[in-house]
Amino acid sequence: MSQFKSLAPQAAVTLLEQGAAVVDIRDLNSFNSSHIPQAQNLNNDNLPVFLQQADRNQALIVYCYHGISSQSAADFLAGQGFTEVYSLDGGFEQWKLQFPELCQS
């Protein structure tokens, strides 16, 4: 059984308004091109620092390009003690289709 939940983009907006953290696991060039506001780019290089400093009780939304890789990342983070982890359905591609005004570059 997965330790994370899938999250539709509309529900993600609500969760972000309630103070959820958000991590983008796409490559840095894609992140720099456009991302969800307040997202932190998470990769193998900064993962140890993230794990050390993150609030494991804060809701955490994980996204990638299309919502596939973020499922593995969300499952991994849930296994690291994060209590409320979500994988964004459809990834950033779905997010920018639904909420182009909520994309930051």
N, C-alpha and C. Protein backbone atom coordinates (compact mmCIF):
# COMPACT_ATOMS: atom_id res chain seq x y z
N MET A 1 0.84 -1.19 0.00
CA MET A 1 0.00 0.00 0.00
C MET A 1 0.88 1.25 0.00
N SER A 2 0.56 2.20 -0.85
CA SER A 2 1.32 3.44 -0.94
C SER A 2 1.13 4.29 0.31
N GLN A 3 2.17 5.01 0.63
CA GLN A 3 2.12 5.90 1.79
C GLN A 3 1.81 7.33 1.38
N PHE A 4 1.63 7.57 0.09
CA PHE A 4 1.30 8.90 -0.39
C PHE A 4 -0.08 8.86 -1.04
N LYS A 5 -0.62 10.04 -1.31
CA LYS A 5 -1.92 10.13 -1.97
C LYS A 5 -1.74 10.90 -3.28
N SER A 6 -2.58 10.59 -4.24
CA SER A 6 -2.61 11.37 -5.48
C SER A 6 -3.46 12.60 -5.23
N LEU A 7 -3.11 13.69 -5.93
CA LEU A 7 -3.78 14.96 -5.69
C LEU A 7 -4.07 15.65 -7.01
N ALA A 8 -5.32 15.99 -7.25
CA ALA A 8 -5.69 16.73 -8.45
C ALA A 8 -5.19 18.17 -8.33
N PRO A 9 -4.88 18.80 -9.45
CA PRO A 9 -4.38 20.17 -9.40
C PRO A 9 -5.27 21.14 -8.62
N GLN A 10 -6.58 21.06 -8.78
CA GLN A 10 -7.47 21.97 -8.05
C GLN A 10 -7.33 21.77 -6.54
N ALA A 11 -7.23 20.54 -6.10
CA ALA A 11 -7.04 20.26 -4.68
C ALA A 11 -5.67 20.75 -4.21
N ALA A 12 -4.69 20.71 -5.12
CA ALA A 12 -3.35 21.19 -4.77
C ALA A 12 -3.37 22.69 -4.50
N VAL A 13 -4.16 23.44 -5.27
CA VAL A 13 -4.28 24.88 -5.04
C VAL A 13 -4.77 25.13 -3.62
N THR A 14 -5.80 24.41 -3.23
CA THR A 14 -6.35 24.56 -1.88
C THR A 14 -5.31 24.22 -0.82
N LEU A 15 -4.61 23.13 -1.03
CA LEU A 15 -3.60 22.70 -0.06
C LEU A 15 -2.46 23.72 0.03
N LEU A 16 -2.06 24.29 -1.11
CA LEU A 16 -1.01 25.32 -1.09
C LEU A 16 -1.48 26.55 -0.33
N GLU A 17 -2.74 26.91 -0.49
CA GLU A 17 -3.30 28.06 0.23
C GLU A 17 -3.30 27.80 1.73
N GLN A 18 -3.33 26.54 2.12
CA GLN A 18 -3.31 26.16 3.54
C GLN A 18 -1.90 25.99 4.08
N GLY A 19 -0.88 26.25 3.25
CA GLY A 19 0.49 26.23 3.73
C GLY A 19 1.31 25.00 3.39
N ALA A 20 0.86 24.20 2.46
CA ALA A 20 1.64 23.02 2.06
C ALA A 20 2.95 23.44 1.42
N ALA A 21 3.96 22.61 1.57
CA ALA A 21 5.23 22.79 0.86
C ALA A 21 5.11 22.08 -0.48
N VAL A 22 5.92 22.50 -1.45
CA VAL A 22 5.86 21.87 -2.77
C VAL A 22 7.27 21.69 -3.31
N VAL A 23 7.54 20.48 -3.83
CA VAL A 23 8.84 20.20 -4.42
C VAL A 23 8.68 19.75 -5.86
N ASP A 24 9.57 20.24 -6.68
CA ASP A 24 9.61 19.97 -8.11
C ASP A 24 10.82 19.07 -8.35
N ILE A 25 10.59 17.86 -8.89
CA ILE A 25 11.71 16.94 -9.10
C ILE A 25 12.17 16.91 -10.55
N ARG A 26 11.69 17.86 -11.35
CA ARG A 26 12.16 17.95 -12.74
C ARG A 26 13.60 18.47 -12.76
N ASP A 27 14.24 18.42 -13.93
CA ASP A 27 15.60 18.92 -14.03
C ASP A 27 15.62 20.43 -13.78
N LEU A 28 16.77 20.94 -13.40
CA LEU A 28 16.92 22.34 -13.01
C LEU A 28 16.56 23.30 -14.14
N ASN A 29 16.90 22.98 -15.38
CA ASN A 29 16.56 23.86 -16.50
C ASN A 29 15.04 24.00 -16.65
N SER A 30 14.32 22.90 -16.52
CA SER A 30 12.86 22.95 -16.60
C SER A 30 12.29 23.75 -15.44
N PHE A 31 12.83 23.52 -14.25
CA PHE A 31 12.39 24.26 -13.07
C PHE A 31 12.61 25.76 -13.28
N ASN A 32 13.80 26.13 -13.76
CA ASN A 32 14.12 27.54 -13.96
C ASN A 32 13.25 28.17 -15.04
N SER A 33 12.82 27.38 -15.99
CA SER A 33 11.97 27.88 -17.06
C SER A 33 10.58 28.25 -16.53
N SER A 34 10.01 27.40 -15.69
CA SER A 34 8.69 27.65 -15.12
C SER A 34 8.40 26.61 -14.04
N HIS A 35 7.75 27.04 -12.98
CA HIS A 35 7.41 26.13 -11.88
C HIS A 35 6.24 26.69 -11.07
N ILE A 36 5.74 25.88 -10.17
CA ILE A 36 4.69 26.32 -9.26
C ILE A 36 5.31 27.30 -8.26
N PRO A 37 4.64 28.43 -8.00
CA PRO A 37 5.19 29.38 -7.03
C PRO A 37 5.50 28.71 -5.69
N GLN A 38 6.58 29.10 -5.09
CA GLN A 38 7.10 28.60 -3.82
C GLN A 38 7.64 27.17 -3.89
N ALA A 39 7.70 26.60 -5.09
CA ALA A 39 8.26 25.26 -5.23
C ALA A 39 9.77 25.31 -5.02
N GLN A 40 10.27 24.23 -4.48
CA GLN A 40 11.71 24.05 -4.32
C GLN A 40 12.12 22.93 -5.26
N ASN A 41 13.18 23.15 -6.03
CA ASN A 41 13.67 22.09 -6.89
C ASN A 41 14.42 21.09 -6.03
N LEU A 42 14.05 19.83 -6.14
CA LEU A 42 14.66 18.78 -5.33
C LEU A 42 15.36 17.80 -6.26
N ASN A 43 16.64 17.55 -5.98
CA ASN A 43 17.41 16.62 -6.80
C ASN A 43 18.36 15.83 -5.89
N ASN A 44 19.13 14.94 -6.46
CA ASN A 44 20.03 14.10 -5.66
C ASN A 44 21.06 14.92 -4.89
N ASP A 45 21.44 16.08 -5.44
CA ASP A 45 22.46 16.90 -4.77
C ASP A 45 21.94 17.57 -3.51
N ASN A 46 20.69 18.07 -3.54
CA ASN A 46 20.19 18.80 -2.37
C ASN A 46 19.23 17.98 -1.50
N LEU A 47 19.00 16.74 -1.87
CA LEU A 47 18.10 15.88 -1.09
C LEU A 47 18.53 15.71 0.37
N PRO A 48 19.82 15.45 0.66
CA PRO A 48 20.20 15.29 2.07
C PRO A 48 19.90 16.53 2.92
N VAL A 49 20.15 17.71 2.37
CA VAL A 49 19.87 18.95 3.12
C VAL A 49 18.36 19.12 3.30
N PHE A 50 17.60 18.82 2.24
CA PHE A 50 16.14 18.91 2.34
C PHE A 50 15.62 18.00 3.44
N LEU A 51 16.11 16.76 3.46
CA LEU A 51 15.66 15.80 4.47
C LEU A 51 16.02 16.25 5.88
N GLN A 52 17.13 16.92 6.00
CA GLN A 52 17.59 17.39 7.31
C GLN A 52 16.76 18.58 7.80
N GLN A 53 16.34 19.45 6.89
CA GLN A 53 15.72 20.71 7.29
C GLN A 53 14.20 20.75 7.17
N ALA A 54 13.61 19.86 6.43
CA ALA A 54 12.16 19.94 6.16
C ALA A 54 11.33 19.59 7.38
N ASP A 55 10.17 20.19 7.44
CA ASP A 55 9.17 19.89 8.48
C ASP A 55 8.38 18.67 8.00
N ARG A 56 8.60 17.55 8.63
CA ARG A 56 7.96 16.30 8.20
C ARG A 56 6.46 16.25 8.50
N ASN A 57 5.97 17.21 9.29
CA ASN A 57 4.54 17.26 9.60
C ASN A 57 3.78 18.23 8.71
N GLN A 58 4.49 18.96 7.85
CA GLN A 58 3.85 19.87 6.91
C GLN A 58 3.43 19.08 5.67
N ALA A 59 2.24 19.36 5.17
CA ALA A 59 1.80 18.70 3.93
C ALA A 59 2.82 18.99 2.83
N LEU A 60 3.11 17.99 2.01
CA LEU A 60 4.13 18.10 0.99
C LEU A 60 3.58 17.60 -0.35
N ILE A 61 3.62 18.47 -1.35
CA ILE A 61 3.19 18.12 -2.70
C ILE A 61 4.43 17.92 -3.56
N VAL A 62 4.49 16.80 -4.26
CA VAL A 62 5.62 16.47 -5.12
C VAL A 62 5.11 16.43 -6.56
N TYR A 63 5.86 17.06 -7.47
CA TYR A 63 5.46 16.97 -8.87
C TYR A 63 6.67 16.82 -9.79
N CYS A 64 6.37 16.26 -10.97
CA CYS A 64 7.37 16.06 -12.02
C CYS A 64 6.75 16.58 -13.32
N TYR A 65 7.11 16.02 -14.44
CA TYR A 65 6.56 16.47 -15.73
C TYR A 65 5.10 16.04 -15.92
N HIS A 66 4.83 14.74 -15.76
CA HIS A 66 3.52 14.19 -16.08
C HIS A 66 2.85 13.44 -14.93
N GLY A 67 3.48 13.43 -13.76
CA GLY A 67 2.87 12.78 -12.60
C GLY A 67 3.24 11.33 -12.40
N ILE A 68 4.24 10.84 -13.12
CA ILE A 68 4.66 9.44 -12.98
C ILE A 68 5.84 9.34 -12.00
N SER A 69 6.93 10.02 -12.29
CA SER A 69 8.11 9.97 -11.42
C SER A 69 7.83 10.52 -10.02
N SER A 70 6.90 11.46 -9.94
CA SER A 70 6.59 12.05 -8.63
C SER A 70 5.96 11.02 -7.69
N GLN A 71 5.35 9.98 -8.24
CA GLN A 71 4.78 8.94 -7.38
C GLN A 71 5.87 8.20 -6.62
N SER A 72 6.96 7.87 -7.31
CA SER A 72 8.08 7.19 -6.65
C SER A 72 8.73 8.11 -5.63
N ALA A 73 8.90 9.38 -6.01
CA ALA A 73 9.51 10.35 -5.10
C ALA A 73 8.64 10.56 -3.87
N ALA A 74 7.34 10.66 -4.07
CA ALA A 74 6.41 10.85 -2.96
C ALA A 74 6.45 9.64 -2.03
N ASP A 75 6.49 8.46 -2.61
CA ASP A 75 6.56 7.24 -1.80
C ASP A 75 7.85 7.21 -0.99
N PHE A 76 8.96 7.60 -1.63
CA PHE A 76 10.25 7.66 -0.93
C PHE A 76 10.18 8.65 0.24
N LEU A 77 9.63 9.84 0.01
CA LEU A 77 9.56 10.85 1.06
C LEU A 77 8.63 10.42 2.20
N ALA A 78 7.55 9.75 1.86
CA ALA A 78 6.67 9.21 2.91
C ALA A 78 7.44 8.20 3.75
N GLY A 79 8.29 7.42 3.11
CA GLY A 79 9.12 6.45 3.83
C GLY A 79 10.18 7.10 4.70
N GLN A 80 10.48 8.37 4.43
CA GLN A 80 11.46 9.12 5.23
C GLN A 80 10.80 9.84 6.40
N GLY A 81 9.52 9.58 6.62
CA GLY A 81 8.85 10.12 7.80
C GLY A 81 7.94 11.31 7.55
N PHE A 82 7.77 11.71 6.29
CA PHE A 82 6.82 12.78 6.01
C PHE A 82 5.42 12.21 6.19
N THR A 83 4.60 12.90 6.95
CA THR A 83 3.31 12.33 7.35
C THR A 83 2.19 12.55 6.35
N GLU A 84 2.30 13.59 5.51
CA GLU A 84 1.23 13.92 4.57
C GLU A 84 1.86 14.27 3.23
N VAL A 85 2.01 13.27 2.35
CA VAL A 85 2.71 13.45 1.08
C VAL A 85 1.74 13.19 -0.07
N TYR A 86 1.80 14.06 -1.08
CA TYR A 86 0.93 13.97 -2.24
C TYR A 86 1.76 14.00 -3.52
N SER A 87 1.31 13.25 -4.51
CA SER A 87 1.86 13.32 -5.86
C SER A 87 0.83 14.04 -6.72
N LEU A 88 1.27 15.08 -7.42
CA LEU A 88 0.37 15.88 -8.24
C LEU A 88 -0.03 15.13 -9.51
N ASP A 89 -1.32 14.83 -9.64
CA ASP A 89 -1.85 14.15 -10.83
C ASP A 89 -1.57 14.97 -12.08
N GLY A 90 -1.01 14.34 -13.10
CA GLY A 90 -0.75 15.03 -14.35
C GLY A 90 0.51 15.87 -14.36
N GLY A 91 1.15 15.99 -13.20
CA GLY A 91 2.40 16.74 -13.10
C GLY A 91 2.28 18.20 -13.49
N PHE A 92 3.43 18.79 -13.77
CA PHE A 92 3.46 20.21 -14.10
C PHE A 92 2.75 20.51 -15.43
N GLU A 93 2.78 19.55 -16.34
CA GLU A 93 2.10 19.77 -17.63
C GLU A 93 0.61 20.00 -17.43
N GLN A 94 -0.01 19.21 -16.57
CA GLN A 94 -1.44 19.40 -16.28
C GLN A 94 -1.67 20.69 -15.50
N TRP A 95 -0.77 20.97 -14.56
CA TRP A 95 -0.87 22.20 -13.75
C TRP A 95 -0.89 23.43 -14.67
N LYS A 96 0.06 23.51 -15.61
CA LYS A 96 0.14 24.72 -16.44
C LYS A 96 -1.01 24.81 -17.44
N LEU A 97 -1.62 23.68 -17.79
CA LEU A 97 -2.83 23.73 -18.62
C LEU A 97 -4.01 24.31 -17.84
N GLN A 98 -4.14 23.90 -16.59
CA GLN A 98 -5.27 24.35 -15.77
C GLN A 98 -5.03 25.71 -15.14
N PHE A 99 -3.78 26.00 -14.78
CA PHE A 99 -3.48 27.22 -14.05
C PHE A 99 -2.27 27.95 -14.63
N PRO A 100 -2.36 28.41 -15.89
CA PRO A 100 -1.20 29.10 -16.46
C PRO A 100 -0.81 30.35 -15.68
N GLU A 101 -1.80 30.95 -15.03
CA GLU A 101 -1.52 32.15 -14.23
C GLU A 101 -0.78 31.82 -12.94
N LEU A 102 -0.72 30.55 -12.57
CA LEU A 102 -0.03 30.12 -11.35
C LEU A 102 1.27 29.42 -11.69
N CYS A 103 1.96 29.92 -12.69
CA CYS A 103 3.27 29.41 -13.07
C CYS A 103 4.27 30.55 -12.94
N GLN A 104 5.36 30.25 -12.32
CA GLN A 104 6.39 31.25 -12.07
C GLN A 104 7.65 30.91 -12.85
N SER A 105 8.30 31.91 -13.39
CA SER A 105 9.56 31.66 -14.08
C SER A 105 10.68 32.49 -13.46
